[in-house]
Amino acid sequence: MTTSTSSSSVRPARTGGLLAVILLGQFMAILDATIVTIAAPAIRADLNSSGAALQLVVAGYTIVYAVLLITGARLGRKFGHRRLFQAGLVLFTVASLACGLAATTAQLIAFRLFQGAGAALLVPQVLSLIQLTLDGAARARAFSVYSTVLSGAAVAGQILGGVLTSADIAGTGWRPIFLVNVPIGLVLVVAGMRLLPADRPDATAGLDLPGLLTLSPAVLLAVTPLVLGHELGWPVWGWAMLAAGAVLAAAFVATQRRAAAPLVPGSVLRAPGLALAAASIFSMMAGYAGFLFTMALYLHDGLGLSPLQSSLAFVLSSVGFGTASLNWRRVPARFHHRMIPAGLALSAAGYLAVAAITAHLGSPGLLYQAAVIVSGIGMGLAFSPALNAALAQVPPADAANASGIMSTVTQLGQVAGVAGLGAVFLSLSLPTGSVAAAASAANIGVAALVLLSAVFAAFLPRR
């Protein structure tokens, strides 16, 4: 039984500081998944990178991050969530400095992998610390802010990447997109030493080596072709990797049935609402990430907007998501169960409106902005309460395992959405297709994923 800090051991006066530290750490980790995309052309010109190498600069971070999330959650339980958060933050900060100083593409790729590993250590501890130090209304509020961070960081990465690269501070070109993490990371490390609650490592928590040795490569084999496939034309080796990943996933399930300390305990999966909420969040994140990716291509390739102009077209979507995430608890509790599928249905309607606008090569004007803010509000009304429903019934002893599952589900959903909807867009728009038709089809796909998420949410148990 874990002896991690309970909610009663954290003084209320320090709760705000705790959330500020861990959520800023989460913000940086998500920011760096998108900030590099905008700066990719500048990196290629400066380091003379090949197309394949540039893909690894962008995607290497995401691959390592996704692969190690569940491992990071288990290490947090075994060695202490505060210790692993701090260790991940230090690794992430040092790797960011190294990325900013990299002299070759090979160095940049290597340092991006370490940056992803640091993110994978710190991110699972965020949900674990919220779960273990807060309860009731305070926990629900924290999940709301957490949701806002998720949506805001993805858009902020695109905007900040465009701003910092365009500014070319002191002739440094793209390098500030990484160096900006260094002072923030150092401040968070110092603040974390003071504000993060001490917790005792759970020495009884085994690492489940058979589980780790099957799950990690299974995720790696699944994520790598999903991340790189659309850029490389879905080569045969990509399909072979997906098949091998499915075999290893089956092997992982088999190991969990026999493991003394399984990486994904059955008690966690049987927690009321967790599996359904996880499926709903996976579909939700797949739709949201696919929307960001395909619309960025549409705005750039179809309308000729600059990277910064394109990124600004997503601001109101993020504002709607964040505003609804922060205020959903104002809705009377008796409506919370129905609010999740209703919000998702509203969001799907917004994406269908975007599909209609893009079908005629529409610009991001008033109608578009109205549609994206509606879609953002609808998703914001669903994500936070769905996450709360997923973790509310998980015992504190299983908090780390549940956090690892939900962090991984969120990340894999985004990867799958970018890969699947990106493939739809690219296949319909290139080389001789219509960008307008491609964007419209992709947004119909987004709406379908969000409606699928609503179906899962409709069967969540009432509390």
Protein backbone atom coordinates (compact mmCIF):
# COMPACT_ATOMS: atom_id res chain seq x y z
CA MET A 1 0.00 0.00 0.00
CA THR A 2 1.41 3.37 -0.98
CA THR A 3 2.12 5.92 1.70
CA SER A 4 2.19 8.91 -0.60
CA THR A 5 1.07 12.23 0.78
CA SER A 6 -2.67 12.51 1.23
CA SER A 7 -4.77 15.57 0.66
CA SER A 8 -4.81 16.45 4.33
CA SER A 9 -1.04 16.95 4.44
CA VAL A 10 -1.00 19.81 1.94
CA ARG A 11 -1.79 23.18 3.45
CA PRO A 12 -4.46 25.09 1.47
CA ALA A 13 -2.20 28.15 1.24
CA ARG A 14 0.30 26.10 -0.75
CA THR A 15 -2.17 24.46 -3.11
CA GLY A 16 -1.99 27.35 -5.59
CA GLY A 17 1.80 27.19 -5.65
CA LEU A 18 1.74 23.42 -6.10
CA LEU A 19 -0.61 23.68 -9.10
CA ALA A 20 1.40 26.53 -10.60
CA VAL A 21 4.61 24.49 -10.53
CA ILE A 22 3.26 21.22 -11.88
CA LEU A 23 0.97 22.76 -14.48
CA LEU A 24 3.69 25.07 -15.80
CA GLY A 25 5.87 21.99 -16.13
CA GLN A 26 3.04 20.28 -18.03
CA PHE A 27 2.60 23.41 -20.19
CA MET A 28 6.28 23.37 -21.24
CA ALA A 29 6.14 19.67 -22.10
CA ILE A 30 3.09 20.08 -24.37
CA LEU A 31 4.40 23.35 -25.83
CA ASP A 32 7.52 21.60 -27.12
CA ALA A 33 5.48 19.04 -29.00
CA THR A 34 4.20 21.80 -31.34
CA ILE A 35 6.64 24.71 -31.12
CA VAL A 36 9.21 23.06 -33.38
CA THR A 37 6.78 22.53 -36.27
CA ILE A 38 6.64 26.25 -37.10
CA ALA A 39 10.43 26.61 -36.83
CA ALA A 40 11.20 23.53 -38.97
CA PRO A 41 12.02 25.47 -42.18
CA ALA A 42 14.46 27.72 -40.32
CA ILE A 43 16.14 24.70 -38.70
CA ARG A 44 16.48 23.01 -42.08
CA ALA A 45 18.09 26.08 -43.65
CA ASP A 46 20.49 26.67 -40.75
CA LEU A 47 21.64 23.07 -40.18
CA ASN A 48 21.23 21.86 -43.78
CA SER A 49 18.96 19.06 -42.54
CA SER A 50 17.56 16.38 -44.80
CA GLY A 51 13.80 15.88 -44.91
CA ALA A 52 14.01 12.62 -42.92
CA ALA A 53 16.27 14.19 -40.30
CA LEU A 54 13.94 17.14 -39.92
CA GLN A 55 11.03 14.75 -39.35
CA LEU A 56 12.99 13.15 -36.51
CA VAL A 57 13.70 16.57 -34.99
CA VAL A 58 9.96 17.24 -34.93
CA ALA A 59 8.69 13.73 -34.16
CA GLY A 60 11.49 12.23 -32.04
CA TYR A 61 10.27 14.14 -29.00
CA THR A 62 6.70 12.87 -29.41
CA ILE A 63 7.80 9.26 -29.95
CA VAL A 64 9.93 9.04 -26.79
CA TYR A 65 7.37 11.00 -24.80
CA ALA A 66 4.56 8.61 -25.72
CA VAL A 67 6.64 5.47 -25.19
CA LEU A 68 7.80 6.31 -21.67
CA LEU A 69 4.67 7.84 -20.09
CA ILE A 70 3.42 4.70 -18.31
CA THR A 71 6.97 3.86 -17.24
CA GLY A 72 7.31 7.38 -15.82
CA ALA A 73 4.10 6.91 -13.85
CA ARG A 74 5.32 3.65 -12.29
CA LEU A 75 8.71 5.16 -11.45
CA GLY A 76 6.90 8.02 -9.72
CA ARG A 77 5.08 5.58 -7.48
CA LYS A 78 8.23 3.61 -6.72
CA PHE A 79 10.64 6.49 -6.13
CA GLY A 80 8.28 9.37 -5.22
CA HIS A 81 6.21 11.70 -7.41
CA ARG A 82 8.01 14.84 -6.26
CA ARG A 83 11.41 13.28 -6.94
CA LEU A 84 10.45 12.08 -10.43
CA PHE A 85 8.80 15.40 -11.33
CA GLN A 86 11.95 17.26 -10.33
CA ALA A 87 14.21 14.77 -12.12
CA GLY A 88 12.12 15.02 -15.28
CA LEU A 89 12.12 18.81 -15.07
CA VAL A 90 15.92 18.93 -14.69
CA LEU A 91 16.42 16.55 -17.64
CA PHE A 92 13.94 18.51 -19.77
CA THR A 93 15.65 21.84 -18.93
CA VAL A 94 19.17 20.58 -19.58
CA ALA A 95 18.07 18.94 -22.84
CA SER A 96 16.36 22.20 -23.90
CA LEU A 97 19.64 24.06 -23.36
CA ALA A 98 21.48 21.43 -25.38
CA CYS A 99 18.90 21.66 -28.18
CA GLY A 100 19.33 25.42 -28.30
CA LEU A 101 23.11 25.05 -28.60
CA ALA A 102 23.13 22.08 -31.02
CA ALA A 103 25.63 22.48 -33.86
CA THR A 104 24.37 19.66 -36.09
CA THR A 105 21.09 18.00 -36.95
CA ALA A 106 22.29 14.73 -35.37
CA GLN A 107 22.96 16.53 -32.08
CA LEU A 108 19.56 18.21 -32.20
CA ILE A 109 17.80 14.88 -32.79
CA ALA A 110 19.64 13.26 -29.88
CA PHE A 111 18.88 16.12 -27.50
CA ARG A 112 15.21 16.12 -28.57
CA LEU A 113 15.00 12.46 -27.55
CA PHE A 114 16.35 13.35 -24.09
CA GLN A 115 13.89 16.24 -23.93
CA GLY A 116 11.04 13.80 -24.63
CA ALA A 117 12.32 11.47 -21.91
CA GLY A 118 12.32 14.35 -19.42
CA ALA A 119 8.74 15.21 -20.35
CA ALA A 120 7.70 11.57 -19.92
CA LEU A 121 9.11 11.55 -16.39
CA LEU A 122 7.44 14.77 -15.24
CA VAL A 123 4.04 14.68 -17.00
CA PRO A 124 2.55 11.56 -15.30
CA GLN A 125 3.40 13.01 -11.91
CA VAL A 126 1.07 15.97 -12.57
CA LEU A 127 -2.12 13.93 -12.46
CA SER A 128 -0.72 11.76 -9.65
CA LEU A 129 0.04 14.80 -7.48
CA ILE A 130 -3.41 16.28 -8.15
CA GLN A 131 -5.03 12.94 -7.36
CA LEU A 132 -3.05 12.42 -4.13
CA THR A 133 -3.00 15.95 -2.72
CA LEU A 134 -6.48 17.23 -3.56
CA ASP A 135 -9.98 15.88 -3.32
CA GLY A 136 -13.58 16.89 -3.94
CA ALA A 137 -14.18 20.34 -5.40
CA ALA A 138 -10.48 21.27 -5.24
CA ARG A 139 -9.55 18.27 -7.36
CA ALA A 140 -12.29 19.05 -9.90
CA ARG A 141 -11.05 22.65 -10.17
CA ALA A 142 -7.50 21.40 -10.68
CA PHE A 143 -8.64 19.11 -13.49
CA SER A 144 -10.33 22.12 -15.09
CA VAL A 145 -7.09 24.11 -15.07
CA TYR A 146 -5.22 21.02 -16.29
CA SER A 147 -7.60 20.79 -19.27
CA THR A 148 -7.05 24.46 -20.06
CA VAL A 149 -3.30 23.89 -20.06
CA LEU A 150 -3.68 20.99 -22.50
CA SER A 151 -5.64 23.04 -25.03
CA GLY A 152 -3.76 26.29 -24.56
CA ALA A 153 -0.25 24.86 -24.79
CA ALA A 154 -0.83 23.20 -28.16
CA VAL A 155 -1.91 26.51 -29.72
CA ALA A 156 0.63 28.55 -27.75
CA GLY A 157 3.41 26.37 -29.15
CA GLN A 158 2.47 27.30 -32.69
CA ILE A 159 2.16 31.01 -31.88
CA LEU A 160 5.35 31.20 -29.81
CA GLY A 161 7.26 29.22 -32.43
CA GLY A 162 6.24 31.74 -35.07
CA VAL A 163 6.98 34.77 -32.89
CA LEU A 164 10.40 33.62 -31.66
CA THR A 165 11.56 32.39 -35.05
CA SER A 166 10.39 35.52 -36.85
CA ALA A 167 11.99 37.81 -34.25
CA ASP A 168 15.43 36.24 -34.87
CA ILE A 169 16.63 37.51 -31.48
CA ALA A 170 20.27 38.66 -31.70
CA GLY A 171 20.67 36.64 -34.88
CA THR A 172 19.94 33.35 -33.08
CA GLY A 173 17.24 32.26 -35.53
CA TRP A 174 15.27 29.23 -34.29
CA ARG A 175 17.31 28.59 -31.12
CA PRO A 176 15.16 30.67 -28.70
CA ILE A 177 12.30 28.16 -29.13
CA PHE A 178 14.37 25.83 -26.96
CA LEU A 179 16.36 28.32 -24.86
CA VAL A 180 13.15 29.93 -23.55
CA ASN A 181 12.60 26.76 -21.50
CA VAL A 182 15.85 27.15 -19.56
CA PRO A 183 15.07 30.09 -17.23
CA ILE A 184 11.50 28.85 -16.73
CA GLY A 185 12.74 25.35 -15.95
CA LEU A 186 15.29 26.64 -13.43
CA VAL A 187 12.65 28.72 -11.65
CA LEU A 188 10.31 25.71 -11.48
CA VAL A 189 13.04 23.43 -10.11
CA VAL A 190 13.75 25.88 -7.28
CA ALA A 191 10.05 26.49 -6.63
CA GLY A 192 9.35 22.76 -6.69
CA MET A 193 11.86 22.13 -3.92
CA ARG A 194 9.76 24.39 -1.73
CA LEU A 195 6.21 23.85 -2.89
CA LEU A 196 5.86 20.21 -3.93
CA PRO A 197 4.69 17.98 -1.07
CA ALA A 198 7.12 15.40 0.21
CA ASP A 199 5.99 11.85 -0.42
CA ARG A 200 7.40 8.51 0.57
CA PRO A 201 8.47 6.18 -2.19
CA ASP A 202 6.50 2.95 -2.33
CA ALA A 203 9.28 0.39 -2.03
CA THR A 204 6.81 -2.43 -2.65
CA ALA A 205 5.91 -1.15 -6.13
CA GLY A 206 7.69 -3.45 -8.55
CA LEU A 207 8.75 -2.28 -12.00
CA ASP A 208 7.12 -5.24 -13.78
CA LEU A 209 10.01 -5.75 -16.19
CA PRO A 210 8.11 -8.17 -18.47
CA GLY A 211 5.37 -5.55 -18.77
CA LEU A 212 7.85 -2.75 -19.48
CA LEU A 213 9.76 -4.85 -22.01
CA THR A 214 6.58 -5.58 -23.98
CA LEU A 215 4.58 -2.35 -23.54
CA SER A 216 7.36 0.15 -24.32
CA PRO A 217 8.34 -1.43 -27.66
CA ALA A 218 4.65 -1.99 -28.48
CA VAL A 219 3.97 1.74 -28.10
CA LEU A 220 7.19 2.57 -29.98
CA LEU A 221 6.22 0.32 -32.88
CA ALA A 222 2.73 1.82 -32.99
CA VAL A 223 3.67 5.48 -32.60
CA THR A 224 6.65 5.68 -34.96
CA PRO A 225 4.76 4.85 -38.19
CA LEU A 226 1.78 6.93 -37.06
CA VAL A 227 4.05 9.96 -36.58
CA LEU A 228 6.20 9.50 -39.69
CA GLY A 229 3.87 7.57 -42.01
CA HIS A 230 2.10 10.46 -43.73
CA GLU A 231 5.43 12.20 -44.45
CA LEU A 232 7.05 9.07 -45.90
CA GLY A 233 4.10 7.82 -47.95
CA TRP A 234 3.16 4.96 -45.61
CA PRO A 235 6.04 2.60 -46.48
CA VAL A 236 5.82 -1.18 -46.04
CA TRP A 237 8.06 -1.08 -42.96
CA GLY A 238 5.51 1.17 -41.28
CA TRP A 239 2.72 -1.39 -41.68
CA ALA A 240 5.12 -4.11 -40.49
CA MET A 241 5.85 -2.07 -37.37
CA LEU A 242 2.14 -1.63 -36.67
CA ALA A 243 1.61 -5.38 -36.98
CA ALA A 244 4.57 -6.11 -34.69
CA GLY A 245 3.23 -3.56 -32.22
CA ALA A 246 -0.11 -5.38 -32.13
CA VAL A 247 1.68 -8.68 -31.39
CA LEU A 248 3.65 -7.09 -28.55
CA ALA A 249 0.48 -5.46 -27.19
CA ALA A 250 -1.09 -8.93 -27.00
CA ALA A 251 2.05 -10.19 -25.25
CA PHE A 252 1.78 -7.31 -22.79
CA VAL A 253 -1.81 -8.26 -21.93
CA ALA A 254 -0.61 -11.81 -21.29
CA THR A 255 2.16 -10.62 -18.95
CA GLN A 256 -0.31 -8.52 -16.94
CA ARG A 257 -2.40 -11.58 -16.12
CA ARG A 258 0.59 -13.30 -14.52
CA ALA A 259 2.49 -10.34 -13.03
CA ALA A 260 2.75 -9.97 -9.26
CA ALA A 261 2.80 -6.16 -9.60
CA PRO A 262 1.26 -5.51 -13.04
CA LEU A 263 2.05 -2.26 -14.81
CA VAL A 264 -1.68 -1.79 -15.52
CA PRO A 265 -3.51 -3.45 -12.61
CA GLY A 266 -6.95 -4.86 -13.30
CA SER A 267 -8.27 -2.92 -10.30
CA VAL A 268 -7.48 0.33 -12.14
CA LEU A 269 -9.22 -0.73 -15.35
CA ARG A 270 -12.22 -1.88 -13.32
CA ALA A 271 -12.58 1.50 -11.58
CA PRO A 272 -16.11 2.73 -12.42
CA GLY A 273 -16.06 4.88 -15.53
CA LEU A 274 -12.30 4.80 -16.20
CA ALA A 275 -12.33 2.66 -19.35
CA LEU A 276 -15.28 4.52 -20.91
CA ALA A 277 -13.83 7.91 -20.02
CA ALA A 278 -10.45 6.88 -21.43
CA ALA A 279 -12.09 5.82 -24.71
CA SER A 280 -14.00 9.10 -24.83
CA ILE A 281 -10.88 11.18 -24.16
CA PHE A 282 -8.88 9.22 -26.76
CA SER A 283 -11.46 10.02 -29.47
CA MET A 284 -11.79 13.61 -28.24
CA MET A 285 -8.03 14.25 -28.37
CA ALA A 286 -7.72 12.51 -31.74
CA GLY A 287 -10.31 14.90 -33.17
CA TYR A 288 -8.83 18.02 -31.56
CA ALA A 289 -5.22 17.29 -32.59
CA GLY A 290 -6.32 16.27 -36.08
CA PHE A 291 -8.20 19.56 -36.39
CA LEU A 292 -5.14 21.62 -35.39
CA PHE A 293 -2.86 19.74 -37.79
CA THR A 294 -5.07 19.65 -40.88
CA MET A 295 -6.33 23.21 -40.51
CA ALA A 296 -2.75 24.48 -40.19
CA LEU A 297 -2.06 22.85 -43.58
CA TYR A 298 -5.27 24.27 -45.03
CA LEU A 299 -4.55 27.81 -43.84
CA HIS A 300 -0.96 27.69 -45.12
CA ASP A 301 -1.33 25.70 -48.36
CA GLY A 302 -4.88 26.68 -49.27
CA LEU A 303 -5.06 30.30 -48.16
CA GLY A 304 -1.36 31.20 -48.22
CA LEU A 305 -1.26 32.50 -44.65
CA SER A 306 2.06 32.80 -42.81
CA PRO A 307 2.80 30.37 -39.96
CA LEU A 308 2.05 33.08 -37.41
CA GLN A 309 -1.22 34.10 -39.13
CA SER A 310 -2.24 30.44 -39.29
CA SER A 311 -1.56 29.88 -35.60
CA LEU A 312 -3.64 32.93 -34.64
CA ALA A 313 -6.65 31.35 -36.36
CA PHE A 314 -6.81 28.78 -33.53
CA VAL A 315 -6.80 31.22 -30.61
CA LEU A 316 -10.58 31.47 -30.15
CA SER A 317 -10.92 27.68 -30.22
CA SER A 318 -8.45 27.48 -27.35
CA VAL A 319 -10.18 30.35 -25.53
CA GLY A 320 -13.52 28.58 -25.81
CA PHE A 321 -12.03 25.30 -24.59
CA GLY A 322 -10.29 26.97 -21.66
CA THR A 323 -13.25 29.12 -20.61
CA ALA A 324 -15.63 26.16 -20.59
CA SER A 325 -13.07 23.97 -18.79
CA LEU A 326 -12.70 26.51 -16.01
CA ASN A 327 -16.44 27.10 -15.56
CA TRP A 328 -18.22 23.77 -16.15
CA ARG A 329 -18.68 23.28 -12.40
CA ARG A 330 -21.05 26.27 -12.39
CA VAL A 331 -23.55 23.99 -14.13
CA PRO A 332 -25.76 22.30 -11.50
CA ALA A 333 -24.37 18.90 -10.53
CA ARG A 334 -27.50 17.04 -11.65
CA PHE A 335 -26.68 18.00 -15.26
CA HIS A 336 -23.00 17.00 -15.22
CA HIS A 337 -23.61 13.49 -16.52
CA ARG A 338 -25.58 14.73 -19.54
CA MET A 339 -23.31 17.73 -20.06
CA ILE A 340 -20.42 15.60 -21.38
CA PRO A 341 -22.19 14.06 -24.43
CA ALA A 342 -24.16 17.30 -24.95
CA GLY A 343 -20.94 19.33 -25.03
CA LEU A 344 -19.39 16.89 -27.49
CA ALA A 345 -22.45 17.06 -29.74
CA LEU A 346 -22.14 20.88 -29.69
CA SER A 347 -18.46 20.59 -30.54
CA ALA A 348 -19.20 18.24 -33.45
CA ALA A 349 -21.70 20.76 -34.81
CA GLY A 350 -18.98 23.42 -34.74
CA TYR A 351 -16.57 21.19 -36.67
CA LEU A 352 -19.25 20.40 -39.26
CA ALA A 353 -19.70 24.15 -39.72
CA VAL A 354 -15.94 24.46 -40.29
CA ALA A 355 -16.20 21.64 -42.85
CA ALA A 356 -18.87 23.63 -44.73
CA ILE A 357 -16.74 26.79 -44.65
CA THR A 358 -13.56 25.09 -45.86
CA ALA A 359 -15.43 23.27 -48.65
CA HIS A 360 -15.68 26.66 -50.35
CA LEU A 361 -12.09 27.67 -49.48
CA GLY A 362 -13.43 30.03 -46.84
CA SER A 363 -11.13 32.30 -44.86
CA PRO A 364 -10.89 32.37 -41.05
CA GLY A 365 -13.42 35.19 -40.83
CA LEU A 366 -16.40 35.72 -38.53
CA LEU A 367 -18.26 32.53 -39.47
CA TYR A 368 -15.13 30.43 -39.01
CA GLN A 369 -14.31 32.07 -35.68
CA ALA A 370 -17.88 31.52 -34.44
CA ALA A 371 -17.68 27.85 -35.45
CA VAL A 372 -14.33 27.20 -33.74
CA ILE A 373 -15.31 28.94 -30.51
CA VAL A 374 -18.48 26.81 -30.39
CA SER A 375 -16.43 23.66 -30.98
CA GLY A 376 -13.96 24.73 -28.28
CA ILE A 377 -16.69 25.48 -25.75
CA GLY A 378 -18.35 22.13 -26.39
CA MET A 379 -15.12 20.22 -25.94
CA GLY A 380 -14.24 22.22 -22.83
CA LEU A 381 -17.59 21.25 -21.29
CA ALA A 382 -16.70 17.60 -21.85
CA PHE A 383 -12.97 17.08 -21.29
CA SER A 384 -12.61 18.17 -17.66
CA PRO A 385 -15.69 16.33 -16.33
CA ALA A 386 -14.70 13.23 -18.37
CA LEU A 387 -11.23 13.29 -16.80
CA ASN A 388 -12.81 13.79 -13.38
CA ALA A 389 -15.11 10.82 -14.05
CA ALA A 390 -12.12 8.70 -15.07
CA LEU A 391 -10.13 9.30 -11.90
CA ALA A 392 -12.77 10.03 -9.25
CA GLN A 393 -13.25 6.39 -8.24
CA VAL A 394 -9.59 5.34 -8.43
CA PRO A 395 -8.12 4.52 -4.98
CA PRO A 396 -5.09 6.61 -3.94
CA ALA A 397 -2.89 3.49 -4.08
CA ASP A 398 -3.62 3.23 -7.82
CA ALA A 399 -3.30 6.95 -8.59
CA ALA A 400 0.08 6.63 -10.34
CA ASN A 401 -1.10 3.76 -12.54
CA ALA A 402 -4.32 5.59 -13.48
CA SER A 403 -2.39 8.79 -14.20
CA GLY A 404 -0.01 6.92 -16.49
CA ILE A 405 -2.92 5.37 -18.36
CA MET A 406 -4.74 8.68 -18.84
CA SER A 407 -1.58 10.57 -19.86
CA THR A 408 -0.77 7.87 -22.41
CA VAL A 409 -4.34 7.75 -23.73
CA THR A 410 -4.31 11.54 -24.19
CA GLN A 411 -0.98 11.47 -26.03
CA LEU A 412 -1.79 8.45 -28.21
CA GLY A 413 -5.12 10.00 -29.13
CA GLN A 414 -3.33 13.09 -30.42
CA VAL A 415 -0.80 11.04 -32.37
CA ALA A 416 -3.54 8.88 -33.92
CA GLY A 417 -5.62 11.94 -34.83
CA VAL A 418 -2.73 13.70 -36.56
CA ALA A 419 -1.76 10.52 -38.43
CA GLY A 420 -5.26 9.48 -39.48
CA LEU A 421 -6.77 12.84 -40.34
CA GLY A 422 -3.45 14.05 -41.73
CA ALA A 423 -3.45 11.07 -44.11
CA VAL A 424 -7.01 11.97 -45.21
CA PHE A 425 -6.03 15.57 -45.88
CA LEU A 426 -2.81 14.79 -47.73
CA SER A 427 -4.31 12.03 -49.85
CA LEU A 428 -7.12 14.32 -51.04
CA SER A 429 -5.05 17.47 -51.51
CA LEU A 430 -1.79 16.23 -53.02
CA PRO A 431 -0.50 16.31 -55.66
CA THR A 432 -3.43 17.38 -57.85
CA GLY A 433 -6.40 17.29 -55.49
CA SER A 434 -8.37 20.08 -53.86
CA VAL A 435 -7.18 21.61 -50.58
CA ALA A 436 -10.75 22.78 -49.92
CA ALA A 437 -12.21 19.28 -50.36
CA ALA A 438 -9.40 17.80 -48.26
CA ALA A 439 -10.01 20.21 -45.38
CA SER A 440 -13.75 19.66 -45.53
CA ALA A 441 -13.34 15.87 -45.42
CA ALA A 442 -10.86 16.12 -42.56
CA ASN A 443 -13.23 18.28 -40.52
CA ILE A 444 -16.07 15.83 -41.14
CA GLY A 445 -13.68 13.21 -39.74
CA VAL A 446 -13.04 15.42 -36.71
CA ALA A 447 -16.78 15.72 -36.11
CA ALA A 448 -17.19 11.94 -36.43
CA LEU A 449 -14.48 11.31 -33.82
CA VAL A 450 -16.04 13.82 -31.45
CA LEU A 451 -19.46 12.17 -31.88
CA LEU A 452 -17.86 8.78 -31.17
CA SER A 453 -16.46 10.33 -28.00
CA ALA A 454 -20.01 11.44 -27.11
CA VAL A 455 -21.27 7.86 -27.52
CA PHE A 456 -18.69 6.57 -25.03
CA ALA A 457 -19.48 9.41 -22.64
CA ALA A 458 -23.22 8.70 -22.77
CA PHE A 459 -22.60 5.37 -21.00
CA LEU A 460 -20.48 6.79 -18.17
CA PRO A 461 -21.91 5.78 -14.79
CA ARG A 462 -23.80 8.40 -12.82
CA ARG A 463 -22.20 9.48 -9.55
